[in-house]
Amino acid sequence: MKKQILFVLIPFLLLSGCASNNLSLRHDVALSFDSERIAYDVVGKGKTALIFIHGWSCDGRYWQKQIPVFANEYQVITVDLAGHGHSSLDRSEFSMLSFANDVKAIIEKENIDRAILIGHSMGGGVIAEAARLMPEKVVGIVGVDTLQNVAERTPQSVIDEMTKSFEADFKSAAQNFVSPMFPEGSDQQLVNWVKEDMSSAPKEIALSAFRNYMGQYVTGEAAIVFKNITVPVVSINARLWPTAPEENRKHIKNYQLFYIEETGHFPMLEKPDEFNILLKKALSSIELNE
């Protein structure tokens, strides 16, 4: 699956980086509610677990620049949701709730009592569902370039039109979809990496996840999911797409927005140092608002 030489090297680079800080990386698997095997990595220890959830057609490697920074203070877990990365892909429908149950399976296996969930893009929908699913375990959530306006409604016809190109030629459509997510002047090697990686996702799984994620903005579920969520919710968003904090606050009880400047849709990879500073700020805010 979609692994090139550079990506094969990444776990070893992470291991060597962690070793220098006397930290070790553990690979593990949890069984989700439907017996899907959910691969994840664990680094570090702490009373709070940071669980990093990737976006659409991505995987846990997209958090490579965060692991060594946060594993000294927290238990850091990066997840491959079902149908992504090294996890199994036999699920019939890839919904936000099914992905949230993947996170739940890991939390239960690791006996985690206190978790902060960090989700990128589609992962924002996943962490919202997971917070609703596990109110006694999740103490805060951080969305990364996501949750721009949970009240926004999108006609089903728009979703149907968007998926036509993916159905016709997934690889080309996915690459064309990703390209505008980076601002002019971006690191071309990074752009090519993300384009090749995401466009190599299994087509039917990607389409199922895409329809389910975007479908939340058809039904209004993107806002409804927050009805009973009382933990702090923080967004770290780029300015690529407008964020509507006041609209979000009508539906999210405890919402805070931080902007990261001059990045596209993947700030944790594009400007990791600036992103990590903002993530530390978000984590501190969650701790103070508990």
Protein backbone atom coordinates (compact mmCIF):
# COMPACT_ATOMS: atom_id res chain seq x y z
CA MET A 1 0.00 0.00 0.00
CA LYS A 2 1.07 3.52 -0.92
CA LYS A 3 4.44 3.32 0.84
CA GLN A 4 7.48 4.73 -0.93
CA ILE A 5 11.08 4.52 0.20
CA LEU A 6 10.96 7.86 2.00
CA PHE A 7 7.94 6.79 4.01
CA VAL A 8 9.46 3.44 4.88
CA LEU A 9 12.37 5.33 6.43
CA ILE A 10 10.18 7.60 8.57
CA PRO A 11 9.52 5.10 11.43
CA PHE A 12 13.27 4.50 11.72
CA LEU A 13 13.95 8.22 11.76
CA LEU A 14 11.34 8.63 14.47
CA LEU A 15 12.82 5.79 16.45
CA SER A 16 16.30 7.30 16.30
CA GLY A 17 14.91 10.71 17.25
CA CYS A 18 13.01 9.27 20.17
CA ALA A 19 15.99 7.20 21.28
CA SER A 20 18.02 10.35 21.69
CA ASN A 21 15.43 11.51 24.22
CA ASN A 22 15.35 8.12 25.96
CA LEU A 23 11.91 7.44 24.55
CA SER A 24 10.85 4.28 22.78
CA LEU A 25 8.15 3.82 20.17
CA ARG A 26 5.75 0.89 20.43
CA HIS A 27 3.63 -0.40 17.56
CA ASP A 28 0.34 -2.04 18.54
CA VAL A 29 -3.09 -3.06 17.27
CA ALA A 30 -6.54 -2.73 18.85
CA LEU A 31 -9.71 -4.51 17.76
CA SER A 32 -12.53 -2.12 16.94
CA PHE A 33 -16.24 -2.81 17.46
CA ASP A 34 -16.47 -4.68 14.13
CA SER A 35 -13.19 -6.59 14.56
CA GLU A 36 -11.26 -4.23 12.30
CA ARG A 37 -7.61 -4.19 13.33
CA ILE A 38 -6.58 -0.63 14.18
CA ALA A 39 -2.85 0.03 14.03
CA TYR A 40 -1.36 2.70 16.26
CA ASP A 41 1.96 3.86 17.70
CA VAL A 42 2.64 4.86 21.30
CA VAL A 43 5.51 7.04 22.53
CA GLY A 44 6.10 8.54 25.96
CA LYS A 45 4.23 8.52 29.25
CA GLY A 46 2.06 10.98 31.14
CA LYS A 47 -1.20 11.30 33.01
CA THR A 48 -2.78 12.66 29.81
CA ALA A 49 -2.75 10.88 26.46
CA LEU A 50 -2.62 12.93 23.27
CA ILE A 51 -4.32 10.95 20.54
CA PHE A 52 -3.60 12.24 17.05
CA ILE A 53 -6.19 11.48 14.35
CA HIS A 54 -5.32 11.98 10.70
CA GLY A 55 -7.51 13.35 7.94
CA TRP A 56 -9.10 11.91 4.83
CA SER A 57 -6.89 9.41 2.96
CA CYS A 58 -3.96 10.10 5.30
CA ASP A 59 -2.54 8.13 8.25
CA GLY A 60 -0.57 8.47 11.46
CA ARG A 61 2.64 9.52 9.67
CA TYR A 62 1.21 12.98 9.14
CA TRP A 63 2.00 13.72 12.81
CA GLN A 64 5.69 12.82 12.48
CA LYS A 65 6.80 16.34 13.47
CA GLN A 66 4.77 16.31 16.70
CA ILE A 67 5.82 12.98 18.22
CA PRO A 68 9.29 13.92 19.55
CA VAL A 69 8.07 17.32 20.80
CA PHE A 70 5.16 16.13 22.93
CA ALA A 71 6.25 12.65 24.01
CA ASN A 72 8.42 14.03 26.82
CA GLU A 73 5.36 15.26 28.70
CA TYR A 74 2.45 13.20 27.37
CA GLN A 75 1.64 9.72 26.24
CA VAL A 76 1.48 10.31 22.48
CA ILE A 77 -0.58 8.00 20.29
CA THR A 78 -0.83 8.26 16.51
CA VAL A 79 -3.63 6.28 14.89
CA ASP A 80 -4.26 4.69 11.51
CA LEU A 81 -8.05 4.67 11.26
CA ALA A 82 -9.69 1.63 9.67
CA GLY A 83 -8.99 1.52 5.94
CA HIS A 84 -5.91 3.72 6.31
CA GLY A 85 -2.20 3.12 6.78
CA HIS A 86 -1.49 -0.24 8.41
CA SER A 87 -5.03 -0.86 9.68
CA SER A 88 -7.37 -3.43 8.15
CA LEU A 89 -9.91 -2.40 5.53
CA ASP A 90 -12.84 -4.84 5.61
CA ARG A 91 -15.41 -2.41 7.00
CA SER A 92 -18.51 -1.93 4.84
CA GLU A 93 -18.99 1.76 5.64
CA PHE A 94 -16.40 4.25 6.84
CA SER A 95 -18.39 6.71 8.93
CA MET A 96 -17.26 9.24 11.53
CA LEU A 97 -18.90 7.14 14.25
CA SER A 98 -17.11 3.99 13.13
CA PHE A 99 -13.81 5.89 13.15
CA ALA A 100 -14.66 7.22 16.64
CA ASN A 101 -15.09 3.63 17.75
CA ASP A 102 -11.57 2.92 16.44
CA VAL A 103 -10.32 5.60 18.83
CA LYS A 104 -12.43 4.12 21.62
CA ALA A 105 -10.88 0.70 21.05
CA ILE A 106 -7.39 2.15 21.53
CA ILE A 107 -8.38 4.11 24.64
CA GLU A 108 -9.86 0.96 26.17
CA LYS A 109 -6.89 -1.23 25.26
CA GLU A 110 -4.41 1.28 26.68
CA ASN A 111 -6.53 1.85 29.83
CA ILE A 112 -6.54 5.59 29.25
CA ASP A 113 -8.57 7.64 31.71
CA ARG A 114 -7.70 11.09 30.41
CA ALA A 115 -7.33 11.90 26.72
CA ILE A 116 -7.07 14.99 24.55
CA LEU A 117 -7.94 14.24 20.95
CA ILE A 118 -6.26 16.10 18.11
CA GLY A 119 -7.84 15.70 14.67
CA HIS A 120 -6.84 17.07 11.28
CA SER A 121 -9.43 17.87 8.58
CA MET A 122 -11.85 14.90 8.49
CA GLY A 123 -10.32 13.98 11.84
CA GLY A 124 -12.24 16.93 13.28
CA GLY A 125 -15.46 15.04 12.62
CA VAL A 126 -13.96 11.92 14.17
CA ILE A 127 -12.82 13.56 17.40
CA ALA A 128 -16.21 15.24 17.86
CA GLU A 129 -17.93 11.86 17.61
CA ALA A 130 -15.34 10.32 19.94
CA ALA A 131 -15.86 13.08 22.53
CA ARG A 132 -19.60 12.43 22.43
CA LEU A 133 -18.97 8.68 22.67
CA MET A 134 -16.58 8.90 25.65
CA PRO A 135 -17.43 11.96 27.78
CA GLU A 136 -15.82 10.38 30.83
CA LYS A 137 -12.46 9.88 29.06
CA VAL A 138 -12.05 12.86 26.72
CA VAL A 139 -11.11 16.12 28.47
CA GLY A 140 -10.65 18.26 25.36
CA ILE A 141 -10.40 18.22 21.59
CA VAL A 142 -8.20 20.16 19.17
CA GLY A 143 -9.21 20.47 15.52
CA VAL A 144 -6.47 21.21 13.00
CA ASP A 145 -7.67 23.14 9.95
CA THR A 146 -11.17 21.81 10.46
CA LEU A 147 -14.47 22.83 12.11
CA GLN A 148 -14.40 26.07 10.11
CA ASN A 149 -18.18 26.43 10.46
CA VAL A 150 -20.06 23.51 11.97
CA ALA A 151 -23.39 25.17 11.11
CA GLU A 152 -22.66 25.34 7.39
CA ARG A 153 -25.09 23.33 5.26
CA THR A 154 -24.13 21.80 1.92
CA PRO A 155 -26.70 20.49 -0.58
CA GLN A 156 -26.44 16.78 -1.35
CA SER A 157 -26.21 17.68 -5.04
CA VAL A 158 -22.90 19.44 -4.39
CA ILE A 159 -21.46 16.34 -2.69
CA ASP A 160 -22.67 14.17 -5.56
CA GLU A 161 -21.02 16.46 -8.09
CA MET A 162 -17.75 16.50 -6.13
CA THR A 163 -17.56 12.70 -6.03
CA LYS A 164 -18.08 12.24 -9.80
CA SER A 165 -14.48 13.07 -10.62
CA PHE A 166 -13.21 10.75 -7.87
CA GLU A 167 -15.32 7.93 -9.23
CA ALA A 168 -14.12 8.49 -12.80
CA ASP A 169 -10.37 8.78 -12.11
CA PHE A 170 -9.57 8.72 -8.43
CA LYS A 171 -5.82 9.28 -8.62
CA SER A 172 -6.01 12.35 -10.86
CA ALA A 173 -9.01 13.79 -9.02
CA ALA A 174 -7.37 13.32 -5.61
CA GLN A 175 -4.18 15.02 -6.78
CA ASN A 176 -6.18 17.92 -8.23
CA PHE A 177 -8.12 18.09 -4.96
CA VAL A 178 -4.95 18.31 -2.87
CA SER A 179 -2.94 20.80 -4.95
CA PRO A 180 -4.94 23.93 -3.98
CA MET A 181 -4.58 23.01 -0.30
CA PHE A 182 -1.03 24.39 -0.39
CA PRO A 183 -0.25 28.10 -0.83
CA GLU A 184 2.01 29.33 -3.59
CA GLY A 185 5.67 28.87 -2.71
CA SER A 186 5.14 25.73 -0.61
CA ASP A 187 7.84 23.10 -0.29
CA GLN A 188 7.35 21.19 -3.54
CA GLN A 189 8.75 17.97 -2.11
CA LEU A 190 6.13 18.06 0.65
CA VAL A 191 3.37 18.90 -1.84
CA ASN A 192 4.36 15.96 -4.05
CA TRP A 193 4.55 13.65 -1.04
CA VAL A 194 1.03 14.49 0.12
CA LYS A 195 -0.42 14.36 -3.40
CA GLU A 196 1.08 10.94 -4.15
CA ASP A 197 0.21 9.56 -0.75
CA MET A 198 -3.41 10.64 -0.61
CA SER A 199 -4.10 9.74 -4.24
CA SER A 200 -2.85 6.20 -3.53
CA ALA A 201 -5.64 5.55 -1.01
CA PRO A 202 -8.08 2.70 -1.75
CA LYS A 203 -10.73 4.31 -3.92
CA GLU A 204 -13.90 2.78 -2.43
CA ILE A 205 -12.77 3.42 1.14
CA ALA A 206 -11.87 7.00 0.31
CA LEU A 207 -15.24 7.59 -1.35
CA SER A 208 -17.14 6.10 1.60
CA ALA A 209 -15.25 8.24 4.10
CA PHE A 210 -15.62 11.36 1.95
CA ARG A 211 -19.39 10.94 1.55
CA ASN A 212 -19.85 10.28 5.25
CA TYR A 213 -17.72 13.22 6.33
CA MET A 214 -19.28 15.70 3.92
CA GLY A 215 -22.70 14.24 4.63
CA GLN A 216 -22.53 15.74 8.12
CA TYR A 217 -22.85 19.15 6.48
CA VAL A 218 -25.88 17.98 4.51
CA THR A 219 -27.80 16.68 7.52
CA GLY A 220 -26.59 19.24 10.05
CA GLU A 221 -24.90 16.53 12.13
CA ALA A 222 -21.66 18.54 12.10
CA ALA A 223 -23.30 20.94 14.56
CA ILE A 224 -25.66 18.50 16.29
CA VAL A 225 -22.76 16.33 17.46
CA PHE A 226 -21.65 19.15 19.77
CA LYS A 227 -25.00 19.44 21.57
CA ASN A 228 -23.89 17.48 24.63
CA ILE A 229 -20.14 18.08 24.40
CA THR A 230 -19.03 20.33 27.24
CA VAL A 231 -15.24 19.87 27.14
CA PRO A 232 -13.05 22.63 25.65
CA VAL A 233 -12.85 22.65 21.86
CA VAL A 234 -9.93 24.44 20.20
CA SER A 235 -9.31 25.03 16.50
CA ILE A 236 -5.86 25.63 15.05
CA ASN A 237 -6.77 26.80 11.57
CA ALA A 238 -5.01 28.22 8.56
CA ARG A 239 -6.59 31.08 6.63
CA LEU A 240 -6.92 29.02 3.45
CA TRP A 241 -10.66 28.76 4.09
CA PRO A 242 -12.60 31.19 6.31
CA THR A 243 -13.43 30.17 9.86
CA ALA A 244 -16.61 31.45 11.51
CA PRO A 245 -15.90 31.42 15.27
CA GLU A 246 -19.12 33.20 16.23
CA GLU A 247 -21.20 30.67 14.30
CA ASN A 248 -19.27 27.86 15.97
CA ARG A 249 -19.90 29.32 19.41
CA LYS A 250 -23.65 29.07 18.80
CA HIS A 251 -23.25 25.29 18.78
CA ILE A 252 -20.01 24.60 20.68
CA LYS A 253 -20.23 25.50 24.35
CA ASN A 254 -16.53 26.11 24.95
CA TYR A 255 -14.80 27.11 21.71
CA GLN A 256 -11.51 28.86 21.05
CA LEU A 257 -9.76 29.62 17.75
CA PHE A 258 -6.05 30.04 17.06
CA TYR A 259 -4.84 30.98 13.59
CA ILE A 260 -1.60 29.73 12.12
CA GLU A 261 -0.32 32.12 9.46
CA GLU A 262 1.01 31.47 5.97
CA THR A 263 0.26 27.77 5.75
CA GLY A 264 -2.16 25.65 3.83
CA HIS A 265 -4.22 22.68 4.95
CA PHE A 266 -1.34 20.74 6.54
CA PRO A 267 0.19 23.17 9.07
CA MET A 268 1.63 20.39 11.23
CA LEU A 269 3.88 19.46 8.30
CA GLU A 270 4.27 22.83 6.59
CA LYS A 271 5.30 24.87 9.65
CA PRO A 272 5.80 22.33 12.44
CA ASP A 273 7.64 24.64 14.83
CA GLU A 274 4.92 27.31 14.71
CA PHE A 275 2.22 24.65 14.83
CA ASN A 276 3.73 22.93 17.86
CA ILE A 277 3.84 26.24 19.75
CA LEU A 278 0.14 26.77 19.05
CA LEU A 279 -0.69 23.19 20.00
CA LYS A 280 1.07 23.67 23.34
CA LYS A 281 -1.00 26.82 23.82
CA ALA A 282 -4.18 24.90 22.98
CA LEU A 283 -3.30 22.13 25.43
CA SER A 284 -2.64 24.68 28.18
CA SER A 285 -5.98 26.30 27.48
CA ILE A 286 -7.74 22.96 27.77
CA GLU A 287 -5.99 22.22 31.06
CA LEU A 288 -7.02 25.60 32.47
CA ASN A 289 -10.65 25.30 31.34
CA GLU A 290 -11.34 21.86 32.71
